PDB file of N, CA and C in Angstrom:
ATOM      1  N   MET A   1      57.094  39.910  13.380  1.00  0.00           N
ATOM      2  CA  MET A   1      57.550  38.654  12.813  1.00  0.00           C
ATOM      3  C   MET A   1      59.076  38.588  12.759  1.00  0.00           C
ATOM      4  N   CYS A   2      59.724  39.724  12.743  1.00  0.00           N
ATOM      5  CA  CYS A   2      61.192  39.750  12.706  1.00  0.00           C
ATOM      6  C   CYS A   2      61.729  40.194  14.052  1.00  0.00           C
ATOM      7  N   SER A   3      62.895  39.730  14.362  1.00  0.00           N
ATOM      8  CA  SER A   3      63.564  40.219  15.563  1.00  0.00           C
ATOM      9  C   SER A   3      64.183  41.581  15.256  1.00  0.00           C
ATOM     10  N   PRO A   4      64.673  42.303  16.245  1.00  0.00           N
ATOM     11  CA  PRO A   4      65.205  43.654  15.994  1.00  0.00           C
ATOM     12  C   PRO A   4      66.409  43.684  15.056  1.00  0.00           C
ATOM     13  N   GLU A   5      67.138  42.574  14.936  1.00  0.00           N
ATOM     14  CA  GLU A   5      68.282  42.577  14.037  1.00  0.00           C
ATOM     15  C   GLU A   5      67.798  42.432  12.596  1.00  0.00           C
ATOM     16  N   PRO A   6      68.219  43.313  11.700  1.00  0.00           N
ATOM     17  CA  PRO A   6      67.740  43.232  10.311  1.00  0.00           C
ATOM     18  C   PRO A   6      68.238  41.997   9.576  1.00  0.00           C
ATOM     19  N   ILE A   7      69.333  41.394  10.043  1.00  0.00           N
ATOM     20  CA  ILE A   7      69.848  40.229   9.324  1.00  0.00           C
ATOM     21  C   ILE A   7      68.933  39.021   9.480  1.00  0.00           C
ATOM     22  N   ASN A   8      68.120  39.012  10.537  1.00  0.00           N
ATOM     23  CA  ASN A   8      67.198  37.898  10.746  1.00  0.00           C
ATOM     24  C   ASN A   8      65.903  38.060   9.964  1.00  0.00           C
ATOM     25  N   CYS A   9      65.631  39.239   9.437  1.00  0.00           N
ATOM     26  CA  CYS A   9      64.384  39.467   8.702  1.00  0.00           C
ATOM     27  C   CYS A   9      64.399  38.830   7.313  1.00  0.00           C
ATOM     28  N   PHE A  10      65.565  38.709   6.697  1.00  0.00           N
ATOM     29  CA  PHE A  10      65.606  38.170   5.335  1.00  0.00           C
ATOM     30  C   PHE A  10      65.141  36.715   5.274  1.00  0.00           C
ATOM     31  N   PRO A  11      65.607  35.812   6.142  1.00  0.00           N
ATOM     32  CA  PRO A  11      65.080  34.449   6.076  1.00  0.00           C
ATOM     33  C   PRO A  11      63.583  34.374   6.340  1.00  0.00           C
ATOM     34  N   VAL A  12      63.069  35.220   7.212  1.00  0.00           N
ATOM     35  CA  VAL A  12      61.631  35.223   7.479  1.00  0.00           C
ATOM     36  C   VAL A  12      60.877  35.686   6.240  1.00  0.00           C
ATOM     37  N   LEU A  13      61.386  36.720   5.587  1.00  0.00           N
ATOM     38  CA  LEU A  13      60.750  37.218   4.367  1.00  0.00           C
ATOM     39  C   LEU A  13      60.769  36.154   3.262  1.00  0.00           C
ATOM     40  N   VAL A  14      61.873  35.464   3.102  1.00  0.00           N
ATOM     41  CA  VAL A  14      61.962  34.396   2.098  1.00  0.00           C
ATOM     42  C   VAL A  14      60.971  33.288   2.424  1.00  0.00           C
ATOM     43  N   ASN A  15      60.839  32.952   3.688  1.00  0.00           N
ATOM     44  CA  ASN A  15      59.910  31.913   4.090  1.00  0.00           C
ATOM     45  C   ASN A  15      58.469  32.310   3.780  1.00  0.00           C
ATOM     46  N   ILE A  16      58.108  33.532   4.100  1.00  0.00           N
ATOM     47  CA  ILE A  16      56.742  33.997   3.846  1.00  0.00           C
ATOM     48  C   ILE A  16      56.451  34.025   2.356  1.00  0.00           C
ATOM     49  N   LEU A  17      57.389  34.569   1.565  1.00  0.00           N
ATOM     50  CA  LEU A  17      57.166  34.649   0.110  1.00  0.00           C
ATOM     51  C   LEU A  17      57.106  33.265  -0.537  1.00  0.00           C
ATOM     52  N   SER A  18      58.013  32.382  -0.167  1.00  0.00           N
ATOM     53  CA  SER A  18      58.024  31.062  -0.798  1.00  0.00           C
ATOM     54  C   SER A  18      56.782  30.268  -0.436  1.00  0.00           C
ATOM     55  N   ASN A  19      56.340  30.342   0.819  1.00  0.00           N
ATOM     56  CA  ASN A  19      55.129  29.619   1.205  1.00  0.00           C
ATOM     57  C   ASN A  19      53.889  30.207   0.559  1.00  0.00           C
ATOM     58  N   SER A  20      53.845  31.524   0.376  1.00  0.00           N
ATOM     59  CA  SER A  20      52.687  32.118  -0.300  1.00  0.00           C
ATOM     60  C   SER A  20      52.664  31.743  -1.779  1.00  0.00           C
ATOM     61  N   PHE A  21      53.848  31.646  -2.419  1.00  0.00           N
ATOM     62  CA  PHE A  21      53.875  31.186  -3.812  1.00  0.00           C
ATOM     63  C   PHE A  21      53.474  29.722  -3.925  1.00  0.00           C
ATOM     64  N   LEU A  22      53.864  28.919  -2.961  1.00  0.00           N
ATOM     65  CA  LEU A  22      53.450  27.517  -2.981  1.00  0.00           C
ATOM     66  C   LEU A  22      51.939  27.391  -2.817  1.00  0.00           C
ATOM     67  N   ARG A  23      51.342  28.198  -1.927  1.00  0.00           N
ATOM     68  CA  ARG A  23      49.881  28.167  -1.771  1.00  0.00           C
ATOM     69  C   ARG A  23      49.187  28.667  -3.034  1.00  0.00           C
ATOM     70  N   LEU A  24      49.813  29.627  -3.701  1.00  0.00           N
ATOM     71  CA  LEU A  24      49.238  30.176  -4.926  1.00  0.00           C
ATOM     72  C   LEU A  24      49.130  29.100  -6.000  1.00  0.00           C
ATOM     73  N   PHE A  25      50.109  28.212  -6.040  1.00  0.00           N
ATOM     74  CA  PHE A  25      50.112  27.134  -7.035  1.00  0.00           C
ATOM     75  C   PHE A  25      49.512  25.839  -6.505  1.00  0.00           C
ATOM     76  N   ASN A  26      48.736  25.920  -5.435  1.00  0.00           N
ATOM     77  CA  ASN A  26      48.012  24.796  -4.850  1.00  0.00           C
ATOM     78  C   ASN A  26      48.931  23.630  -4.478  1.00  0.00           C
ATOM     79  N   SER A  27      50.046  23.919  -3.894  1.00  0.00           N
ATOM     80  CA  SER A  27      50.959  22.880  -3.442  1.00  0.00           C
ATOM     81  C   SER A  27      50.752  22.637  -1.952  1.00  0.00           C
ATOM     82  N   THR A  28      51.021  21.407  -1.535  1.00  0.00           N
ATOM     83  CA  THR A  28      50.890  21.086  -0.109  1.00  0.00           C
ATOM     84  C   THR A  28      52.233  21.177   0.607  1.00  0.00           C
ATOM     85  N   ALA A  29      53.315  21.369  -0.135  1.00  0.00           N
ATOM     86  CA  ALA A  29      54.647  21.464   0.477  1.00  0.00           C
ATOM     87  C   ALA A  29      54.819  22.831   1.136  1.00  0.00           C
ATOM     88  N   ARG A  30      55.654  22.874   2.153  1.00  0.00           N
ATOM     89  CA  ARG A  30      55.956  24.121   2.851  1.00  0.00           C
ATOM     90  C   ARG A  30      57.451  24.196   3.122  1.00  0.00           C
ATOM     91  N   PHE A  31      57.967  25.410   3.149  1.00  0.00           N
ATOM     92  CA  PHE A  31      59.368  25.648   3.498  1.00  0.00           C
ATOM     93  C   PHE A  31      59.458  26.039   4.962  1.00  0.00           C
ATOM     94  N   ARG A  32      60.508  25.568   5.591  1.00  0.00           N
ATOM     95  CA  ARG A  32      60.866  26.044   6.930  1.00  0.00           C
ATOM     96  C   ARG A  32      62.266  26.603   6.832  1.00  0.00           C
ATOM     97  N   ILE A  33      62.411  27.860   7.204  1.00  0.00           N
ATOM     98  CA  ILE A  33      63.709  28.522   7.127  1.00  0.00           C
ATOM     99  C   ILE A  33      64.064  29.040   8.508  1.00  0.00           C
ATOM    100  N   TRP A  34      65.289  28.813   8.905  1.00  0.00           N
ATOM    101  CA  TRP A  34      65.790  29.358  10.161  1.00  0.00           C
ATOM    102  C   TRP A  34      67.198  29.844   9.936  1.00  0.00           C
ATOM    103  N   SER A  35      67.625  30.711  10.788  1.00  0.00           N
ATOM    104  CA  SER A  35      68.981  31.239  10.649  1.00  0.00           C
ATOM    105  C   SER A  35      69.682  31.159  11.995  1.00  0.00           C
ATOM    106  N   GLN A  36      70.915  30.755  11.930  1.00  0.00           N
ATOM    107  CA  GLN A  36      71.775  30.776  13.096  1.00  0.00           C
ATOM    108  C   GLN A  36      73.031  31.486  12.647  1.00  0.00           C
ATOM    109  N   LEU A  37      73.292  32.658  13.232  1.00  0.00           N
ATOM    110  CA  LEU A  37      74.340  33.510  12.713  1.00  0.00           C
ATOM    111  C   LEU A  37      75.719  32.900  12.861  1.00  0.00           C
ATOM    112  N   PHE A  38      76.048  32.414  14.043  1.00  0.00           N
ATOM    113  CA  PHE A  38      77.381  31.913  14.292  1.00  0.00           C
ATOM    114  C   PHE A  38      77.300  30.568  14.994  1.00  0.00           C
ATOM    115  N   TYR A  39      78.326  29.779  14.774  1.00  0.00           N
ATOM    116  CA  TYR A  39      78.417  28.523  15.490  1.00  0.00           C
ATOM    117  C   TYR A  39      78.723  28.841  16.944  1.00  0.00           C
ATOM    118  N   THR A  40      77.922  28.332  17.865  1.00  0.00           N
ATOM    119  CA  THR A  40      78.049  28.738  19.257  1.00  0.00           C
ATOM    120  C   THR A  40      79.000  27.866  20.056  1.00  0.00           C
ATOM    121  N   GLY A  41      79.447  26.757  19.502  1.00  0.00           N
ATOM    122  CA  GLY A  41      80.354  25.892  20.246  1.00  0.00           C
ATOM    123  C   GLY A  41      81.753  26.462  20.323  1.00  0.00           C
ATOM    124  N   GLU A  42      82.433  26.167  21.393  1.00  0.00           N
ATOM    125  CA  GLU A  42      83.810  26.619  21.568  1.00  0.00           C
ATOM    126  C   GLU A  42      84.748  25.577  20.994  1.00  0.00           C
ATOM    127  N   ASN A  43      85.593  25.993  20.079  1.00  0.00           N
ATOM    128  CA  ASN A  43      86.567  25.097  19.484  1.00  0.00           C
ATOM    129  C   ASN A  43      87.945  25.738  19.638  1.00  0.00           C
ATOM    130  N   PRO A  44      88.745  25.293  20.619  1.00  0.00           N
ATOM    131  CA  PRO A  44      90.042  25.941  20.826  1.00  0.00           C
ATOM    132  C   PRO A  44      91.015  25.737  19.673  1.00  0.00           C
ATOM    133  N   GLU A  45      90.900  24.624  18.966  1.00  0.00           N
ATOM    134  CA  GLU A  45      91.800  24.406  17.823  1.00  0.00           C
ATOM    135  C   GLU A  45      91.550  25.433  16.734  1.00  0.00           C
ATOM    136  N   LEU A  46      90.286  25.736  16.478  1.00  0.00           N
ATOM    137  CA  LEU A  46      89.955  26.733  15.464  1.00  0.00           C
ATOM    138  C   LEU A  46      90.494  28.102  15.859  1.00  0.00           C
ATOM    139  N   LYS A  47      90.404  28.444  17.129  1.00  0.00           N
ATOM    140  CA  LYS A  47      90.943  29.725  17.583  1.00  0.00           C
ATOM    141  C   LYS A  47      92.448  29.784  17.400  1.00  0.00           C
ATOM    142  N   HIS A  48      93.138  28.662  17.644  1.00  0.00           N
ATOM    143  CA  HIS A  48      94.587  28.643  17.455  1.00  0.00           C
ATOM    144  C   HIS A  48      94.946  28.791  15.984  1.00  0.00           C
ATOM    145  N   TYR A  49      94.200  28.118  15.087  1.00  0.00           N
ATOM    146  CA  TYR A  49      94.473  28.246  13.662  1.00  0.00           C
ATOM    147  C   TYR A  49      94.263  29.680  13.193  1.00  0.00           C
ATOM    148  N   ILE A  50      93.191  30.307  13.653  1.00  0.00           N
ATOM    149  CA  ILE A  50      92.927  31.690  13.264  1.00  0.00           C
ATOM    150  C   ILE A  50      94.008  32.613  13.805  1.00  0.00           C
ATOM    151  N   PHE A  51      94.382  32.427  15.078  1.00  0.00           N
ATOM    152  CA  PHE A  51      95.387  33.285  15.682  1.00  0.00           C
ATOM    153  C   PHE A  51      96.722  33.156  14.965  1.00  0.00           C
ATOM    154  N   PHE A  52      97.180  31.919  14.734  1.00  0.00           N
ATOM    155  CA  PHE A  52      98.483  31.747  14.099  1.00  0.00           C
ATOM    156  C   PHE A  52      98.458  32.147  12.625  1.00  0.00           C
ATOM    157  N   GLY A  53      97.316  31.988  11.963  1.00  0.00           N
ATOM    158  CA  GLY A  53      97.203  32.467  10.594  1.00  0.00           C
ATOM    159  C   GLY A  53      97.320  33.972  10.508  1.00  0.00           C
ATOM    160  N   LEU A  54      96.608  34.672  11.383  1.00  0.00           N
ATOM    161  CA  LEU A  54      96.694  36.135  11.393  1.00  0.00           C
ATOM    162  C   LEU A  54      98.067  36.605  11.846  1.00  0.00           C
ATOM    163  N   PHE A  55      98.656  35.907  12.811  1.00  0.00           N
ATOM    164  CA  PHE A  55      99.982  36.267  13.297  1.00  0.00           C
ATOM    165  C   PHE A  55     101.020  36.119  12.182  1.00  0.00           C
ATOM    166  N   THR A  56     100.929  35.027  11.408  1.00  0.00           N
ATOM    167  CA  THR A  56     101.846  34.819  10.291  1.00  0.00           C
ATOM    168  C   THR A  56     101.661  35.901   9.228  1.00  0.00           C
ATOM    169  N   TYR A  57     100.421  36.237   8.944  1.00  0.00           N
ATOM    170  CA  TYR A  57     100.136  37.288   7.969  1.00  0.00           C
ATOM    171  C   TYR A  57     100.739  38.614   8.414  1.00  0.00           C
ATOM    172  N   LEU A  58     100.578  38.950   9.692  1.00  0.00           N
ATOM    173  CA  LEU A  58     101.136  40.213  10.187  1.00  0.00           C
ATOM    174  C   LEU A  58     102.654  40.204  10.168  1.00  0.00           C
ATOM    175  N   LEU A  59     103.276  39.055  10.444  1.00  0.00           N
ATOM    176  CA  LEU A  59     104.736  38.984  10.371  1.00  0.00           C
ATOM    177  C   LEU A  59     105.237  39.204   8.949  1.00  0.00           C
ATOM    178  N   ILE A  60     104.561  38.614   7.982  1.00  0.00           N
ATOM    179  CA  ILE A  60     104.954  38.802   6.583  1.00  0.00           C
ATOM    180  C   ILE A  60     104.758  40.258   6.177  1.00  0.00           C
ATOM    181  N   LEU A  61     103.644  40.853   6.619  1.00  0.00           N
ATOM    182  CA  LEU A  61     103.381  42.253   6.310  1.00  0.00           C
ATOM    183  C   LEU A  61     104.432  43.153   6.959  1.00  0.00           C
ATOM    184  N   ALA A  62     104.778  42.875   8.207  1.00  0.00           N
ATOM    185  CA  ALA A  62     105.770  43.687   8.901  1.00  0.00           C
ATOM    186  C   ALA A  62     107.149  43.528   8.278  1.00  0.00           C
ATOM    187  N   ALA A  63     107.442  42.350   7.721  1.00  0.00           N
ATOM    188  CA  ALA A  63     108.736  42.149   7.078  1.00  0.00           C
ATOM    189  C   ALA A  63     108.802  42.870   5.731  1.00  0.00           C
ATOM    190  N   GLY A  64     107.667  43.117   5.110  1.00  0.00           N
ATOM    191  CA  GLY A  64     107.663  43.752   3.795  1.00  0.00           C
ATOM    192  C   GLY A  64     107.627  45.260   3.835  1.00  0.00           C
ATOM    193  N   LEU A  65     107.227  45.852   4.939  1.00  0.00           N
ATOM    194  CA  LEU A  65     107.105  47.308   4.987  1.00  0.00           C
ATOM    195  C   LEU A  65     108.433  48.054   5.084  1.00  0.00           C
ATOM    196  N   PRO A  66     109.395  47.665   5.913  1.00  0.00           N
ATOM    197  CA  PRO A  66     110.641  48.443   5.976  1.00  0.00           C
ATOM    198  C   PRO A  66     111.385  48.564   4.646  1.00  0.00           C
ATOM    199  N   PRO A  67     111.473  47.500   3.825  1.00  0.00           N
ATOM    200  CA  PRO A  67     112.126  47.699   2.522  1.00  0.00           C
ATOM    201  C   PRO A  67     111.389  48.704   1.634  1.00  0.00           C
ATOM    202  N   LEU A  68     110.089  48.783   1.791  1.00  0.00           N
ATOM    203  CA  LEU A  68     109.321  49.750   1.013  1.00  0.00           C
ATOM    204  C   LEU A  68     109.739  51.169   1.374  1.00  0.00           C
ATOM    205  N   PHE A  69     109.878  51.446   2.659  1.00  0.00           N
ATOM    206  CA  PHE A  69     110.319  52.777   3.081  1.00  0.00           C
ATOM    207  C   PHE A  69     111.765  53.028   2.675  1.00  0.00           C
ATOM    208  N   ALA A  70     112.592  52.005   2.745  1.00  0.00           N
ATOM    209  CA  ALA A  70     113.996  52.170   2.362  1.00  0.00           C
ATOM    210  C   ALA A  70     114.120  52.465   0.872  1.00  0.00           C
ATOM    211  N   MET A  71     113.310  51.810   0.050  1.00  0.00           N
ATOM    212  CA  MET A  71     113.378  52.047  -1.394  1.00  0.00           C
ATOM    213  C   MET A  71     112.942  53.467  -1.734  1.00  0.00           C
ATOM    214  N   SER A  72     111.976  54.002  -1.017  1.00  0.00           N
ATOM    215  CA  SER A  72     111.577  55.381  -1.303  1.00  0.00           C
ATOM    216  C   SER A  72     112.690  56.348  -0.921  1.00  0.00           C
ATOM    217  N   SER A  73     113.430  56.033   0.150  1.00  0.00           N
ATOM    218  CA  SER A  73     114.558  56.895   0.522  1.00  0.00           C
ATOM    219  C   SER A  73     115.665  56.815  -0.515  1.00  0.00           C
ATOM    220  N   VAL A  74     115.915  55.624  -1.065  1.00  0.00           N
ATOM    221  CA  VAL A  74     116.939  55.464  -2.094  1.00  0.00           C
ATOM    222  C   VAL A  74     116.537  56.217  -3.356  1.00  0.00           C
ATOM    223  N   GLU A  75     115.257  56.160  -3.720  1.00  0.00           N
ATOM    224  CA  GLU A  75     114.775  56.890  -4.892  1.00  0.00           C
ATOM    225  C   GLU A  75     114.928  58.395  -4.686  1.00  0.00           C
ATOM    226  N   ASP A  76     114.639  58.866  -3.490  1.00  0.00           N
ATOM    227  CA  ASP A  76     114.845  60.295  -3.207  1.00  0.00           C
ATOM    228  C   ASP A  76     116.315  60.677  -3.313  1.00  0.00           C
ATOM    229  N   TYR A  77     117.194  59.788  -2.867  1.00  0.00           N
ATOM    230  CA  TYR A  77     118.630  60.048  -2.937  1.00  0.00           C
ATOM    231  C   TYR A  77     119.101  60.082  -4.387  1.00  0.00           C
ATOM    232  N   LYS A  78     118.538  59.182  -5.224  1.00  0.00           N
ATOM    233  CA  LYS A  78     118.959  59.119  -6.634  1.00  0.00           C
ATOM    234  C   LYS A  78     118.565  60.392  -7.393  1.00  0.00           C
ATOM    235  N   VAL A  79     117.402  60.903  -7.142  1.00  0.00           N
ATOM    236  CA  VAL A  79     116.952  62.108  -7.844  1.00  0.00           C
ATOM    237  C   VAL A  79     117.409  63.384  -7.130  1.00  0.00           C
ATOM    238  N   LYS A  80     118.108  63.231  -6.035  1.00  0.00           N
ATOM    239  CA  LYS A  80     118.684  64.334  -5.261  1.00  0.00           C
ATOM    240  C   LYS A  80     117.613  65.347  -4.839  1.00  0.00           C
ATOM    241  N   SER A  81     116.560  64.800  -4.285  1.00  0.00           N
ATOM    242  CA  SER A  81     115.495  65.699  -3.811  1.00  0.00           C
ATOM    243  C   SER A  81     115.746  66.154  -2.386  1.00  0.00           C
TER     244      SER A  81
END
């Protein structure tokens, strides 16, 4: 009933349990559950936003690291280690 990927088994399990509880309470309603892991359409704008967002984050991170190393060197100089 499940595909080899374990992430697809949870919706199937929820569907089986919910429908069995509905039958237990004599209901005529049924649940249909499906899962689609990722959006399969290609969106170049979204890729550009993700790329430039990550690029900006890395630039900010790279700008913050050298002062951190410099401050540790200054602290070592102050305590004369």
